[in-house]
Amino acid sequence: MLNKFKEILSYRKQFLSLLVGVPSYETYVEHMKKHHPGDSVKSRKEFFCEAQEARYNAKGGKVSRCC
């Protein structure tokens, strides 16, 4: 029962991250280990800051949204 609850919480976290447009750090780490084993992996904070920068500063500081 506890494992099922943990699984549900992890899906909830993933859903909310995708909902607000933040890519998964865990997916990034897995990708780096698999495809770029010699490269250094960014910290969670560095990864998050870069994702935010790419999302909100991509168009010269203008926030682009659908509505």
PDB file of N, CA and C in Angstrom:
ATOM      1  N   MET A   1       0.825  -1.199   0.000  1.00  0.00           N
ATOM      2  CA  MET A   1       0.000   0.000   0.000  1.00  0.00           C
ATOM      3  C   MET A   1       0.871   1.266   0.000  1.00  0.00           C
ATOM      4  N   LEU A   2       1.925   1.247   0.804  1.00  0.00           N
ATOM      5  CA  LEU A   2       2.826   2.397   0.879  1.00  0.00           C
ATOM      6  C   LEU A   2       3.524   2.623  -0.470  1.00  0.00           C
ATOM      7  N   ASN A   3       3.930   1.542  -1.120  1.00  0.00           N
ATOM      8  CA  ASN A   3       4.586   1.678  -2.427  1.00  0.00           C
ATOM      9  C   ASN A   3       3.639   2.266  -3.464  1.00  0.00           C
ATOM     10  N   LYS A   4       2.393   1.859  -3.433  1.00  0.00           N
ATOM     11  CA  LYS A   4       1.400   2.389  -4.363  1.00  0.00           C
ATOM     12  C   LYS A   4       1.201   3.888  -4.122  1.00  0.00           C
ATOM     13  N   PHE A   5       1.163   4.289  -2.857  1.00  0.00           N
ATOM     14  CA  PHE A   5       1.015   5.704  -2.507  1.00  0.00           C
ATOM     15  C   PHE A   5       2.208   6.516  -3.017  1.00  0.00           C
ATOM     16  N   LYS A   6       3.424   5.988  -2.862  1.00  0.00           N
ATOM     17  CA  LYS A   6       4.625   6.668  -3.351  1.00  0.00           C
ATOM     18  C   LYS A   6       4.591   6.803  -4.872  1.00  0.00           C
ATOM     19  N   GLU A   7       4.102   5.762  -5.531  1.00  0.00           N
ATOM     20  CA  GLU A   7       4.004   5.794  -6.986  1.00  0.00           C
ATOM     21  C   GLU A   7       3.022   6.884  -7.437  1.00  0.00           C
ATOM     22  N   ILE A   8       1.896   6.970  -6.758  1.00  0.00           N
ATOM     23  CA  ILE A   8       0.897   7.991  -7.092  1.00  0.00           C
ATOM     24  C   ILE A   8       1.475   9.389  -6.872  1.00  0.00           C
ATOM     25  N   LEU A   9       2.203   9.579  -5.789  1.00  0.00           N
ATOM     26  CA  LEU A   9       2.812  10.891  -5.528  1.00  0.00           C
ATOM     27  C   LEU A   9       3.843  11.265  -6.593  1.00  0.00           C
ATOM     28  N   SER A  10       4.599  10.277  -7.063  1.00  0.00           N
ATOM     29  CA  SER A  10       5.593  10.581  -8.093  1.00  0.00           C
ATOM     30  C   SER A  10       4.909  10.975  -9.401  1.00  0.00           C
ATOM     31  N   TYR A  11       3.811  10.321  -9.739  1.00  0.00           N
ATOM     32  CA  TYR A  11       3.063  10.699 -10.941  1.00  0.00           C
ATOM     33  C   TYR A  11       2.462  12.094 -10.784  1.00  0.00           C
ATOM     34  N   ARG A  12       2.002  12.405  -9.596  1.00  0.00           N
ATOM     35  CA  ARG A  12       1.423  13.729  -9.326  1.00  0.00           C
ATOM     36  C   ARG A  12       2.481  14.805  -9.527  1.00  0.00           C
ATOM     37  N   LYS A  13       3.667  14.564  -8.999  1.00  0.00           N
ATOM     38  CA  LYS A  13       4.768  15.521  -9.146  1.00  0.00           C
ATOM     39  C   LYS A  13       5.129  15.697 -10.624  1.00  0.00           C
ATOM     40  N   GLN A  14       5.206  14.600 -11.351  1.00  0.00           N
ATOM     41  CA  GLN A  14       5.530  14.662 -12.770  1.00  0.00           C
ATOM     42  C   GLN A  14       4.451  15.428 -13.536  1.00  0.00           C
ATOM     43  N   PHE A  15       3.189  15.153 -13.237  1.00  0.00           N
ATOM     44  CA  PHE A  15       2.079  15.833 -13.904  1.00  0.00           C
ATOM     45  C   PHE A  15       2.139  17.340 -13.661  1.00  0.00           C
ATOM     46  N   LEU A  16       2.336  17.736 -12.414  1.00  0.00           N
ATOM     47  CA  LEU A  16       2.376  19.168 -12.097  1.00  0.00           C
ATOM     48  C   LEU A  16       3.563  19.855 -12.757  1.00  0.00           C
ATOM     49  N   SER A  17       4.691  19.184 -12.804  1.00  0.00           N
ATOM     50  CA  SER A  17       5.867  19.765 -13.461  1.00  0.00           C
ATOM     51  C   SER A  17       5.606  19.989 -14.942  1.00  0.00           C
ATOM     52  N   LEU A  18       5.009  19.009 -15.592  1.00  0.00           N
ATOM     53  CA  LEU A  18       4.693  19.156 -17.011  1.00  0.00           C
ATOM     54  C   LEU A  18       3.618  20.206 -17.234  1.00  0.00           C
ATOM     55  N   LEU A  19       2.707  20.316 -16.307  1.00  0.00           N
ATOM     56  CA  LEU A  19       1.625  21.285 -16.424  1.00  0.00           C
ATOM     57  C   LEU A  19       2.156  22.712 -16.451  1.00  0.00           C
ATOM     58  N   VAL A  20       3.153  22.992 -15.644  1.00  0.00           N
ATOM     59  CA  VAL A  20       3.722  24.342 -15.604  1.00  0.00           C
ATOM     60  C   VAL A  20       4.933  24.497 -16.519  1.00  0.00           C
ATOM     61  N   GLY A  21       5.292  23.445 -17.239  1.00  0.00           N
ATOM     62  CA  GLY A  21       6.354  23.532 -18.235  1.00  0.00           C
ATOM     63  C   GLY A  21       7.752  23.336 -17.728  1.00  0.00           C
ATOM     64  N   VAL A  22       7.925  22.664 -16.624  1.00  0.00           N
ATOM     65  CA  VAL A  22       9.257  22.390 -16.099  1.00  0.00           C
ATOM     66  C   VAL A  22       9.630  20.960 -16.465  1.00  0.00           C
ATOM     67  N   PRO A  23      10.702  20.767 -17.232  1.00  0.00           N
ATOM     68  CA  PRO A  23      11.093  19.410 -17.595  1.00  0.00           C
ATOM     69  C   PRO A  23      11.563  18.620 -16.377  1.00  0.00           C
ATOM     70  N   SER A  24      11.560  17.321 -16.496  1.00  0.00           N
ATOM     71  CA  SER A  24      11.915  16.437 -15.393  1.00  0.00           C
ATOM     72  C   SER A  24      13.428  16.373 -15.196  1.00  0.00           C
ATOM     73  N   TYR A  25      13.872  16.676 -14.005  1.00  0.00           N
ATOM     74  CA  TYR A  25      15.298  16.600 -13.682  1.00  0.00           C
ATOM     75  C   TYR A  25      15.778  15.155 -13.739  1.00  0.00           C
ATOM     76  N   GLU A  26      14.958  14.238 -13.253  1.00  0.00           N
ATOM     77  CA  GLU A  26      15.332  12.829 -13.242  1.00  0.00           C
ATOM     78  C   GLU A  26      15.537  12.307 -14.667  1.00  0.00           C
ATOM     79  N   THR A  27      14.675  12.726 -15.587  1.00  0.00           N
ATOM     80  CA  THR A  27      14.815  12.325 -16.985  1.00  0.00           C
ATOM     81  C   THR A  27      16.099  12.895 -17.571  1.00  0.00           C
ATOM     82  N   TYR A  28      16.402  14.125 -17.215  1.00  0.00           N
ATOM     83  CA  TYR A  28      17.639  14.767 -17.669  1.00  0.00           C
ATOM     84  C   TYR A  28      18.862  13.992 -17.177  1.00  0.00           C
ATOM     85  N   VAL A  29      18.861  13.625 -15.904  1.00  0.00           N
ATOM     86  CA  VAL A  29      20.002  12.897 -15.332  1.00  0.00           C
ATOM     87  C   VAL A  29      20.168  11.543 -16.029  1.00  0.00           C
ATOM     88  N   GLU A  30      19.068  10.827 -16.239  1.00  0.00           N
ATOM     89  CA  GLU A  30      19.133   9.537 -16.931  1.00  0.00           C
ATOM     90  C   GLU A  30      19.680   9.710 -18.345  1.00  0.00           C
ATOM     91  N   HIS A  31      19.226  10.741 -19.047  1.00  0.00           N
ATOM     92  CA  HIS A  31      19.704  11.009 -20.403  1.00  0.00           C
ATOM     93  C   HIS A  31      21.202  11.284 -20.401  1.00  0.00           C
ATOM     94  N   MET A  32      21.648  12.114 -19.476  1.00  0.00           N
ATOM     95  CA  MET A  32      23.074  12.451 -19.409  1.00  0.00           C
ATOM     96  C   MET A  32      23.933  11.222 -19.131  1.00  0.00           C
ATOM     97  N   LYS A  33      23.488  10.372 -18.220  1.00  0.00           N
ATOM     98  CA  LYS A  33      24.256   9.168 -17.889  1.00  0.00           C
ATOM     99  C   LYS A  33      24.311   8.201 -19.071  1.00  0.00           C
ATOM    100  N   LYS A  34      23.217   8.115 -19.808  1.00  0.00           N
ATOM    101  CA  LYS A  34      23.144   7.171 -20.920  1.00  0.00           C
ATOM    102  C   LYS A  34      23.866   7.677 -22.171  1.00  0.00           C
ATOM    103  N   HIS A  35      23.649   8.936 -22.528  1.00  0.00           N
ATOM    104  CA  HIS A  35      24.156   9.460 -23.791  1.00  0.00           C
ATOM    105  C   HIS A  35      25.420  10.312 -23.680  1.00  0.00           C
ATOM    106  N   HIS A  36      25.702  10.844 -22.501  1.00  0.00           N
ATOM    107  CA  HIS A  36      26.869  11.707 -22.307  1.00  0.00           C
ATOM    108  C   HIS A  36      27.579  11.344 -20.995  1.00  0.00           C
ATOM    109  N   PRO A  37      28.067  10.113 -20.889  1.00  0.00           N
ATOM    110  CA  PRO A  37      28.625   9.656 -19.602  1.00  0.00           C
ATOM    111  C   PRO A  37      29.845  10.440 -19.119  1.00  0.00           C
ATOM    112  N   GLY A  38      30.583  11.056 -20.015  1.00  0.00           N
ATOM    113  CA  GLY A  38      31.772  11.803 -19.607  1.00  0.00           C
ATOM    114  C   GLY A  38      31.493  13.229 -19.183  1.00  0.00           C
ATOM    115  N   ASP A  39      30.326  13.736 -19.508  1.00  0.00           N
ATOM    116  CA  ASP A  39      29.978  15.123 -19.192  1.00  0.00           C
ATOM    117  C   ASP A  39      29.467  15.253 -17.758  1.00  0.00           C
ATOM    118  N   SER A  40      29.651  16.433 -17.196  1.00  0.00           N
ATOM    119  CA  SER A  40      29.148  16.662 -15.840  1.00  0.00           C
ATOM    120  C   SER A  40      27.638  16.920 -15.886  1.00  0.00           C
ATOM    121  N   VAL A  41      26.958  16.539 -14.830  1.00  0.00           N
ATOM    122  CA  VAL A  41      25.510  16.710 -14.719  1.00  0.00           C
ATOM    123  C   VAL A  41      25.241  17.957 -13.886  1.00  0.00           C
ATOM    124  N   LYS A  42      24.346  18.806 -14.373  1.00  0.00           N
ATOM    125  CA  LYS A  42      23.993  20.025 -13.645  1.00  0.00           C
ATOM    126  C   LYS A  42      23.281  19.668 -12.343  1.00  0.00           C
ATOM    127  N   SER A  43      23.401  20.544 -11.377  1.00  0.00           N
ATOM    128  CA  SER A  43      22.656  20.362 -10.136  1.00  0.00           C
ATOM    129  C   SER A  43      21.176  20.624 -10.426  1.00  0.00           C
ATOM    130  N   ARG A  44      20.327  20.203  -9.518  1.00  0.00           N
ATOM    131  CA  ARG A  44      18.891  20.423  -9.691  1.00  0.00           C
ATOM    132  C   ARG A  44      18.592  21.916  -9.820  1.00  0.00           C
ATOM    133  N   LYS A  45      19.277  22.729  -9.028  1.00  0.00           N
ATOM    134  CA  LYS A  45      19.057  24.179  -9.069  1.00  0.00           C
ATOM    135  C   LYS A  45      19.482  24.756 -10.413  1.00  0.00           C
ATOM    136  N   GLU A  46      20.657  24.361 -10.919  1.00  0.00           N
ATOM    137  CA  GLU A  46      21.124  24.838 -12.217  1.00  0.00           C
ATOM    138  C   GLU A  46      20.157  24.434 -13.332  1.00  0.00           C
ATOM    139  N   PHE A  47      19.699  23.188 -13.270  1.00  0.00           N
ATOM    140  CA  PHE A  47      18.762  22.676 -14.266  1.00  0.00           C
ATOM    141  C   PHE A  47      17.464  23.478 -14.257  1.00  0.00           C
ATOM    142  N   PHE A  48      16.930  23.715 -13.063  1.00  0.00           N
ATOM    143  CA  PHE A  48      15.683  24.458 -12.931  1.00  0.00           C
ATOM    144  C   PHE A  48      15.838  25.892 -13.437  1.00  0.00           C
ATOM    145  N   CYS A  49      16.936  26.554 -13.057  1.00  0.00           N
ATOM    146  CA  CYS A  49      17.167  27.934 -13.492  1.00  0.00           C
ATOM    147  C   CYS A  49      17.289  28.020 -15.010  1.00  0.00           C
ATOM    148  N   GLU A  50      17.980  27.062 -15.613  1.00  0.00           N
ATOM    149  CA  GLU A  50      18.117  27.060 -17.068  1.00  0.00           C
ATOM    150  C   GLU A  50      16.767  26.821 -17.750  1.00  0.00           C
ATOM    151  N   ALA A  51      15.958  25.931 -17.198  1.00  0.00           N
ATOM    152  CA  ALA A  51      14.628  25.668 -17.759  1.00  0.00           C
ATOM    153  C   ALA A  51      13.747  26.913 -17.672  1.00  0.00           C
ATOM    154  N   GLN A  52      13.813  27.613 -16.558  1.00  0.00           N
ATOM    155  CA  GLN A  52      13.029  28.838 -16.389  1.00  0.00           C
ATOM    156  C   GLN A  52      13.503  29.922 -17.359  1.00  0.00           C
ATOM    157  N   GLU A  53      14.802  30.033 -17.503  1.00  0.00           N
ATOM    158  CA  GLU A  53      15.372  31.020 -18.419  1.00  0.00           C
ATOM    159  C   GLU A  53      14.930  30.733 -19.853  1.00  0.00           C
ATOM    160  N   ALA A  54      14.977  29.479 -20.246  1.00  0.00           N
ATOM    161  CA  ALA A  54      14.575  29.108 -21.599  1.00  0.00           C
ATOM    162  C   ALA A  54      13.090  29.359 -21.823  1.00  0.00           C
ATOM    163  N   ARG A  55      12.306  29.128 -20.804  1.00  0.00           N
ATOM    164  CA  ARG A  55      10.858  29.293 -20.964  1.00  0.00           C
ATOM    165  C   ARG A  55      10.439  30.759 -20.985  1.00  0.00           C
ATOM    166  N   TYR A  56      10.949  31.551 -20.071  1.00  0.00           N
ATOM    167  CA  TYR A  56      10.455  32.915 -19.911  1.00  0.00           C
ATOM    168  C   TYR A  56      11.287  33.987 -20.592  1.00  0.00           C
ATOM    169  N   ASN A  57      12.526  33.707 -20.915  1.00  0.00           N
ATOM    170  CA  ASN A  57      13.365  34.710 -21.571  1.00  0.00           C
ATOM    171  C   ASN A  57      13.656  34.357 -23.019  1.00  0.00           C
ATOM    172  N   ALA A  58      12.970  33.390 -23.558  1.00  0.00           N
ATOM    173  CA  ALA A  58      13.246  32.932 -24.914  1.00  0.00           C
ATOM    174  C   ALA A  58      12.965  34.007 -25.951  1.00  0.00           C
ATOM    175  N   LYS A  59      12.066  34.902 -25.676  1.00  0.00           N
ATOM    176  CA  LYS A  59      11.696  35.933 -26.651  1.00  0.00           C
ATOM    177  C   LYS A  59      12.045  37.328 -26.133  1.00  0.00           C
ATOM    178  N   GLY A  60      13.276  37.486 -25.715  1.00  0.00           N
ATOM    179  CA  GLY A  60      13.728  38.798 -25.261  1.00  0.00           C
ATOM    180  C   GLY A  60      13.072  39.266 -23.977  1.00  0.00           C
ATOM    181  N   GLY A  61      12.741  38.364 -23.096  1.00  0.00           N
ATOM    182  CA  GLY A  61      12.121  38.731 -21.830  1.00  0.00           C
ATOM    183  C   GLY A  61      10.627  38.818 -21.871  1.00  0.00           C
ATOM    184  N   LYS A  62      10.030  38.626 -23.045  1.00  0.00           N
ATOM    185  CA  LYS A  62       8.572  38.666 -23.143  1.00  0.00           C
ATOM    186  C   LYS A  62       8.006  37.285 -22.846  1.00  0.00           C
ATOM    187  N   VAL A  63       7.027  37.252 -21.996  1.00  0.00           N
ATOM    188  CA  VAL A  63       6.373  35.993 -21.667  1.00  0.00           C
ATOM    189  C   VAL A  63       5.441  35.652 -22.812  1.00  0.00           C
ATOM    190  N   SER A  64       5.641  34.460 -23.377  1.00  0.00           N
ATOM    191  CA  SER A  64       4.752  34.040 -24.447  1.00  0.00           C
ATOM    192  C   SER A  64       3.775  33.010 -23.891  1.00  0.00           C
ATOM    193  N   ARG A  65       2.533  33.241 -24.131  1.00  0.00           N
ATOM    194  CA  ARG A  65       1.511  32.302 -23.674  1.00  0.00           C
ATOM    195  C   ARG A  65       0.360  32.306 -24.653  1.00  0.00           C
ATOM    196  N   CYS A  66      -0.513  31.358 -24.493  1.00  0.00           N
ATOM    197  CA  CYS A  66      -1.581  31.188 -25.466  1.00  0.00           C
ATOM    198  C   CYS A  66      -2.783  32.086 -25.202  1.00  0.00           C
ATOM    199  N   CYS A  67      -2.896  32.662 -24.023  1.00  0.00           N
ATOM    200  CA  CYS A  67      -4.086  33.470 -23.741  1.00  0.00           C
ATOM    201  C   CYS A  67      -3.732  34.733 -22.981  1.00  0.00           C
TER     202      CYS A  67
END
